[in-house]
Amino acid sequence: MESDYRIQNRADVHSHVLSGWWWWLPIGGSGGPERDPAGRHSASIALHTRALRNLYVSCASCIEMLSTTVLLFVLHFVAADIPSYIKVCQRNDPNVDKCIINSVDQLRPKMINGIPELNVPGIEPLSLGQIALARGPQGAKLTAVVNDVKVTGPSNFIIEELKSDLDNNRFDFKLLLPKLDFNGKYKMDIQVLLLRLQGRGNITGTFKDYACNVTMRGHKETRGEDEYLQFDPFKVKLRVGQSSIYLTNLFDGDPVLGPATNRVINENSQVFLQEISPVLERSLADLFTEMANKITSKFTYKELFP
């Protein structure tokens, strides 16, 4: 009995194409190809050809649709790559310095606790670690060690001036630190002639109106086909403003020596500031450098300064 081969759907054709024997489809039975004097073989070939053409058009449409979807997907993530809280500045902007200042100010709220999605550390509180002081001749010697110093307030800096040189990747800032509060633990040893006084306790203090010069030098690093901006260690220089320092439990809480020593320390606070300023400068420089490089390492130079 003759049985006509009929294509049920495009999946049948696709299966035959992959198997590589679609042109041997049986026309008159199950034994293989037969000559068809009535032209059924030619009709079958024409039928298969039309089906393949339809399948090709359908696949081409699917590929085009898939390509469009992938392109839109990629463009979406490229556009969303830089977070909204990072303001991008145009290199050819005549007011690019002002744009950078606005960008830093816009980023300021994020600086306090850090930016986890960019692996950027927080600026508050700033940890200074240990500070050691040693002053005076053998006859009147002061030694003190201050540990676990924490500083709050650096995120409130005010940018008073910026000079940028994008061609050489150089940025010079003049900042004002209106107020820095600090606290820590101290251990003090004072020897005056044969009298030796010792004490340990908490230390607190406030620095006001500290001027700060920050110098940033950068260079481009190539990764694949893209360039990224990376900064050398920042240089930070502080100019001392006003300060007040208070130490608790001086000489085991002596009601006379304690207040008197605090008064003398504040009258000669420059001694303490000469020791703490370099430590504060290094800590600010390290933190600002790390924060800047964490951000610039995530985005290409052209993305940040198109």
Protein backbone atom coordinates (compact mmCIF):
# COMPACT_ATOMS: atom_id res chain seq x y z
CA MET A 1 0.00 0.00 0.00
CA GLU A 2 1.32 3.40 -0.91
CA SER A 3 1.69 5.94 1.87
CA ASP A 4 2.39 9.62 1.26
CA TYR A 5 5.01 11.24 3.48
CA ARG A 6 3.62 14.45 4.95
CA ILE A 7 5.49 17.06 6.96
CA GLN A 8 3.76 17.55 10.28
CA ASN A 9 5.74 20.60 11.46
CA ARG A 10 9.02 22.41 11.13
CA ALA A 11 10.57 20.31 13.84
CA ASP A 12 10.25 17.29 11.52
CA VAL A 13 12.14 19.08 8.79
CA HIS A 14 14.77 20.27 11.25
CA SER A 15 15.23 16.68 12.46
CA HIS A 16 15.71 15.44 8.89
CA VAL A 17 18.18 18.18 8.08
CA LEU A 18 20.30 17.32 11.11
CA SER A 19 20.24 13.59 10.30
CA GLY A 20 21.51 14.35 6.80
CA TRP A 21 19.16 12.07 4.81
CA TRP A 22 16.07 14.21 4.18
CA TRP A 23 16.38 13.69 0.40
CA TRP A 24 15.93 9.90 0.88
CA LEU A 25 12.47 10.22 2.33
CA PRO A 26 10.22 7.31 1.21
CA ILE A 27 7.48 8.07 -1.22
CA GLY A 28 6.08 4.67 -2.03
CA GLY A 29 6.89 2.60 1.03
CA SER A 30 9.38 1.86 3.76
CA GLY A 31 12.10 0.28 1.64
CA GLY A 32 13.89 3.46 0.59
CA PRO A 33 13.63 5.92 -2.30
CA GLU A 34 11.68 4.98 -5.39
CA ARG A 35 11.37 6.51 -8.81
CA ASP A 36 8.00 8.12 -9.17
CA PRO A 37 6.85 8.34 -12.71
CA ALA A 38 3.89 10.44 -11.61
CA GLY A 39 6.20 13.16 -10.28
CA ARG A 40 5.57 12.56 -6.61
CA HIS A 41 9.29 12.59 -5.91
CA SER A 42 9.67 16.04 -7.47
CA ALA A 43 6.67 17.32 -5.57
CA SER A 44 8.12 16.00 -2.33
CA ILE A 45 11.43 17.77 -2.97
CA ALA A 46 9.60 21.02 -3.69
CA LEU A 47 7.57 20.60 -0.52
CA HIS A 48 10.70 20.01 1.53
CA THR A 49 12.45 22.95 -0.09
CA ARG A 50 9.60 25.32 0.81
CA ALA A 51 9.60 23.98 4.38
CA LEU A 52 13.34 24.51 4.69
CA ARG A 53 13.02 28.04 3.34
CA ASN A 54 10.31 28.81 5.88
CA LEU A 55 12.45 27.27 8.61
CA TYR A 56 15.45 29.38 7.56
CA VAL A 57 13.36 32.57 7.61
CA SER A 58 11.97 31.64 11.01
CA CYS A 59 15.45 30.93 12.41
CA ALA A 60 16.81 34.17 10.97
CA SER A 61 14.00 36.08 12.68
CA CYS A 62 14.76 34.32 15.96
CA ILE A 63 18.46 35.14 15.66
CA GLU A 64 17.71 38.77 14.90
CA MET A 65 15.34 38.99 17.85
CA LEU A 66 17.90 37.31 20.14
CA SER A 67 20.65 39.68 18.97
CA THR A 68 18.44 42.68 19.64
CA THR A 69 17.58 41.38 23.10
CA VAL A 70 21.24 40.77 23.95
CA LEU A 71 22.21 44.23 22.68
CA LEU A 72 19.53 45.92 24.78
CA PHE A 73 20.60 43.86 27.78
CA VAL A 74 24.23 44.92 27.37
CA LEU A 75 23.33 48.58 26.78
CA HIS A 76 21.20 48.54 29.91
CA PHE A 77 24.08 47.42 32.06
CA VAL A 78 26.56 49.76 30.41
CA ALA A 79 24.25 52.68 31.08
CA ALA A 80 23.69 51.49 34.64
CA ASP A 81 27.36 50.75 35.26
CA ILE A 82 28.12 54.08 36.94
CA PRO A 83 25.86 54.64 39.97
CA SER A 84 23.71 57.75 40.10
CA TYR A 85 25.63 59.10 43.10
CA ILE A 86 28.82 59.41 40.98
CA LYS A 87 28.63 62.54 38.85
CA VAL A 88 30.50 62.17 35.55
CA CYS A 89 32.45 65.22 34.33
CA GLN A 90 33.22 66.02 30.70
CA ARG A 91 36.90 66.54 29.93
CA ASN A 92 36.17 69.49 27.65
CA ASP A 93 33.89 71.22 30.16
CA PRO A 94 35.33 74.73 30.74
CA ASN A 95 34.08 74.42 34.34
CA VAL A 96 35.43 70.92 34.91
CA ASP A 97 36.96 71.91 38.28
CA LYS A 98 33.56 73.00 39.54
CA CYS A 99 32.04 69.80 38.18
CA ILE A 100 34.59 67.69 40.08
CA ILE A 101 33.90 69.62 43.29
CA ASN A 102 30.15 69.03 42.84
CA SER A 103 30.84 65.36 42.14
CA VAL A 104 32.82 65.01 45.39
CA ASP A 105 30.12 66.86 47.35
CA GLN A 106 27.46 64.58 45.85
CA LEU A 107 29.50 61.55 46.91
CA ARG A 108 30.09 62.88 50.44
CA PRO A 109 27.08 61.19 52.15
CA LYS A 110 28.35 57.83 50.89
CA MET A 111 31.83 58.48 52.28
CA ILE A 112 30.75 58.35 55.91
CA ASN A 113 29.88 54.65 56.07
CA GLY A 114 31.57 53.55 52.84
CA ILE A 115 30.23 52.10 49.59
CA PRO A 116 29.99 48.29 49.94
CA GLU A 117 29.05 47.69 46.28
CA LEU A 118 32.34 49.33 45.23
CA ASN A 119 34.33 47.96 48.19
CA VAL A 120 35.07 51.54 49.32
CA PRO A 121 35.81 51.90 53.07
CA GLY A 122 34.05 54.43 55.27
CA ILE A 123 35.76 57.59 56.41
CA GLU A 124 34.12 57.76 59.84
CA PRO A 125 35.60 57.17 62.31
CA LEU A 126 39.20 57.56 61.14
CA SER A 127 41.55 55.27 63.07
CA LEU A 128 45.02 56.62 63.87
CA GLY A 129 46.35 53.64 65.80
CA GLN A 130 49.15 54.54 68.24
CA ILE A 131 50.82 57.90 68.83
CA ALA A 132 53.99 58.18 70.91
CA LEU A 133 55.41 61.35 72.49
CA ALA A 134 58.81 61.89 74.07
CA ARG A 135 59.91 65.36 75.13
CA GLY A 136 62.29 67.14 77.49
CA PRO A 137 65.81 66.68 78.88
CA GLN A 138 66.67 63.96 81.32
CA GLY A 139 65.90 66.23 84.28
CA ALA A 140 62.32 66.93 83.13
CA LYS A 141 61.16 64.18 80.85
CA LEU A 142 57.72 63.48 79.44
CA THR A 143 56.80 60.27 77.67
CA ALA A 144 53.29 59.36 76.61
CA VAL A 145 51.62 56.76 74.44
CA VAL A 146 48.13 57.22 73.04
CA ASN A 147 46.35 54.13 71.67
CA ASP A 148 43.13 53.37 69.82
CA VAL A 149 42.73 56.93 68.57
CA LYS A 150 39.48 57.46 66.66
CA VAL A 151 38.72 60.69 64.80
CA THR A 152 35.28 61.85 63.68
CA GLY A 153 34.51 64.77 61.40
CA PRO A 154 36.85 64.32 58.39
CA SER A 155 33.87 63.74 56.08
CA ASN A 156 32.77 67.34 56.72
CA PHE A 157 35.71 68.74 54.77
CA ILE A 158 35.07 71.78 52.59
CA ILE A 159 36.76 72.09 49.21
CA GLU A 160 37.93 75.69 49.04
CA GLU A 161 39.88 75.37 45.81
CA LEU A 162 40.70 72.81 43.13
CA LYS A 163 43.16 72.94 40.27
CA SER A 164 42.93 69.99 37.91
CA ASP A 165 45.16 68.97 35.02
CA LEU A 166 43.40 66.07 33.30
CA ASP A 167 46.08 65.78 30.61
CA ASN A 168 48.63 64.94 33.31
CA ASN A 169 46.15 63.37 35.77
CA ARG A 170 46.98 65.86 38.50
CA PHE A 171 44.60 67.34 41.06
CA ASP A 172 45.47 69.88 43.77
CA PHE A 173 42.89 70.50 46.48
CA LYS A 174 42.76 73.05 49.27
CA LEU A 175 40.46 71.79 52.00
CA LEU A 176 39.16 73.08 55.30
CA LEU A 177 38.43 70.68 58.14
CA PRO A 178 36.02 72.70 60.32
CA LYS A 179 36.07 70.34 63.29
CA LEU A 180 37.73 67.05 64.19
CA ASP A 181 36.87 65.28 67.44
CA PHE A 182 39.07 62.47 68.71
CA ASN A 183 39.27 60.06 71.61
CA GLY A 184 41.61 57.31 72.73
CA LYS A 185 43.51 55.76 75.63
CA TYR A 186 46.67 57.28 77.05
CA LYS A 187 49.54 56.25 79.29
CA MET A 188 51.81 59.02 80.59
CA ASP A 189 55.06 59.15 82.52
CA ILE A 190 56.49 62.47 83.75
CA GLN A 191 59.73 62.81 85.63
CA VAL A 192 60.84 66.18 87.08
CA LEU A 193 64.14 65.88 88.90
CA LEU A 194 63.48 63.21 91.53
CA LEU A 195 59.69 63.40 91.28
CA ARG A 196 58.01 60.86 89.03
CA LEU A 197 54.33 61.06 88.12
CA GLN A 198 52.39 58.49 86.15
CA GLY A 199 48.85 58.23 84.87
CA ARG A 200 46.59 56.44 82.44
CA GLY A 201 43.03 56.96 81.29
CA ASN A 202 40.97 58.42 78.47
CA ILE A 203 41.98 61.28 76.23
CA THR A 204 39.56 63.43 74.25
CA GLY A 205 40.10 66.49 72.15
CA THR A 206 38.92 68.78 69.39
CA PHE A 207 40.75 70.34 66.45
CA LYS A 208 39.10 73.29 64.73
CA ASP A 209 39.64 75.04 61.41
CA TYR A 210 42.45 72.89 60.12
CA ALA A 211 43.60 73.81 56.62
CA CYS A 212 44.62 70.88 54.45
CA ASN A 213 46.46 70.71 51.13
CA VAL A 214 45.93 67.50 49.16
CA THR A 215 48.00 66.61 46.11
CA MET A 216 46.82 63.79 43.83
CA ARG A 217 48.96 62.31 41.06
CA GLY A 218 47.53 59.64 38.80
CA HIS A 219 48.49 57.45 35.88
CA LYS A 220 46.61 55.35 33.38
CA GLU A 221 46.71 51.56 33.55
CA THR A 222 45.71 49.42 30.58
CA ARG A 223 43.55 46.35 31.12
CA GLY A 224 42.61 44.60 27.92
CA GLU A 225 41.47 47.34 25.57
CA ASP A 226 40.47 49.84 28.28
CA GLU A 227 42.37 52.41 30.33
CA TYR A 228 41.81 53.00 34.04
CA LEU A 229 42.96 55.85 36.26
CA GLN A 230 45.00 54.87 39.31
CA PHE A 231 46.46 57.27 41.86
CA ASP A 232 49.85 57.31 43.51
CA PRO A 233 49.77 57.79 47.31
CA PHE A 234 48.20 61.14 48.10
CA LYS A 235 50.21 63.87 49.77
CA VAL A 236 48.38 65.58 52.64
CA LYS A 237 49.71 68.56 54.58
CA LEU A 238 47.86 70.00 57.57
CA ARG A 239 48.12 73.55 58.87
CA VAL A 240 47.25 73.64 62.54
CA GLY A 241 44.23 75.57 63.75
CA GLN A 242 42.74 75.64 67.25
CA SER A 243 42.85 72.67 69.59
CA SER A 244 41.76 71.53 73.03
CA ILE A 245 42.80 68.36 74.85
CA TYR A 246 41.52 66.73 78.02
CA LEU A 247 42.92 63.73 79.90
CA THR A 248 40.91 61.87 82.54
CA ASN A 249 42.28 60.19 85.66
CA LEU A 250 45.58 62.05 85.59
CA PHE A 251 47.76 60.73 88.41
CA ASP A 252 45.00 58.50 89.72
CA GLY A 253 42.49 61.31 89.76
CA ASP A 254 44.49 63.68 91.95
CA PRO A 255 42.21 66.73 92.37
CA VAL A 256 45.14 69.16 92.23
CA LEU A 257 47.64 67.59 89.82
CA GLY A 258 44.96 66.48 87.34
CA PRO A 259 43.45 69.88 86.47
CA ALA A 260 46.86 71.56 86.66
CA THR A 261 48.39 69.09 84.20
CA ASN A 262 45.46 69.45 81.77
CA ARG A 263 45.94 73.21 81.89
CA VAL A 264 49.66 72.90 81.16
CA ILE A 265 49.02 70.44 78.32
CA ASN A 266 46.55 72.79 76.63
CA GLU A 267 48.89 75.75 77.06
CA ASN A 268 51.57 73.72 75.29
CA SER A 269 49.33 71.76 72.93
CA GLN A 270 51.77 72.34 70.05
CA VAL A 271 53.94 69.59 71.55
CA PHE A 272 51.10 67.10 71.17
CA LEU A 273 50.05 68.46 67.79
CA GLN A 274 53.55 68.11 66.40
CA GLU A 275 53.28 64.39 67.08
CA ILE A 276 49.70 63.80 66.05
CA SER A 277 49.73 65.89 62.84
CA PRO A 278 52.08 63.58 60.84
CA VAL A 279 50.05 60.55 61.95
CA LEU A 280 46.81 62.28 60.98
CA GLU A 281 48.28 63.31 57.62
CA ARG A 282 49.38 59.75 56.82
CA SER A 283 46.05 58.28 57.88
CA LEU A 284 44.06 60.77 55.78
CA ALA A 285 46.37 60.24 52.79
CA ASP A 286 46.09 56.44 53.00
CA LEU A 287 42.30 56.56 53.35
CA PHE A 288 41.72 59.08 50.54
CA THR A 289 44.07 57.15 48.23
CA GLU A 290 42.29 53.86 48.91
CA MET A 291 38.85 55.39 48.42
CA ALA A 292 39.80 57.06 45.13
CA ASN A 293 41.47 53.96 43.68
CA LYS A 294 38.57 51.71 44.69
CA ILE A 295 36.23 53.93 42.67
CA THR A 296 38.45 54.54 39.63
CA SER A 297 39.35 50.85 39.35
CA LYS A 298 35.69 49.97 38.71
CA PHE A 299 35.14 52.33 35.76
CA THR A 300 37.18 53.12 32.68
CA TYR A 301 38.84 56.50 32.23
CA LYS A 302 36.46 57.34 29.38
CA GLU A 303 33.45 56.51 31.55
CA LEU A 304 34.59 58.87 34.31
CA PHE A 305 35.90 61.63 32.02
CA PRO A 306 34.24 61.23 28.60
